[in-house]
Amino acid sequence: MGTDQHATPTSGAKTPVRERGTAYAVLSFLACQAVVFAVALAGAWATQQGVNDWYPALRKPPLTPPNWVFPVVWNILFFLMGVALWLAVRAAGSVRRLGVALVPFALQLGLNLAWSFLFFTFHWVGAAVADAVILISAIMASIRAFAPFSRIAALCLVPYLVWVSFALYLTTAIWALNG
């Protein structure tokens, strides 16, 4: 077994970390995907009622994509979130070494889930706008937190930041158009 070199964000020094092999890499990848897709499934559950009953009746702004686009984009983004988490954990050498960098990532997952409930379940569009603003900040904090461990992990979150910024436009416009 060889060693792999992992940078720590505080020192920048390389720390030897024993390779755990392909099976560990695959299992840790699947675990990271399971974490983010658990949030995705909970959000999809929260979305179902409103997307069929309430959302179709809303006035929507220009640039609103067709409904089929949302699940396609969100599945890609959640996959990329899982990849980002996995890359950051691997680069750090363990979840424990990633430490406080996980805080904004966990926060953005919670805010992402909360948005689905606020918007689709409770129809609190103004609160969903506020949630999206905070979510954007949490995604930016996640990007900054992951970057010292893995630039690729940080870059995996950029499409998510762009999409949530677009979602903020849509949510704000829906709030304005529908009172």
Foldseek 3Di string as FASTA:
>chain_A
DDWDWAAALPPRDTDTADDPDDVVLVVLLVVLLVVLVVLVVLLVVLQVVQVPPPVVPFDWDPPDDPPVVVVVVVVLLSNLLSVLVSQLCVRLNHPVSLPPLCVLVVVLSVLVSVLSNCCRVVVVLVVSLVSLVVSLVSLVSNLVSSCSRPNSSSVSSVVVSVVSVVVSVGSVVRVVRPD
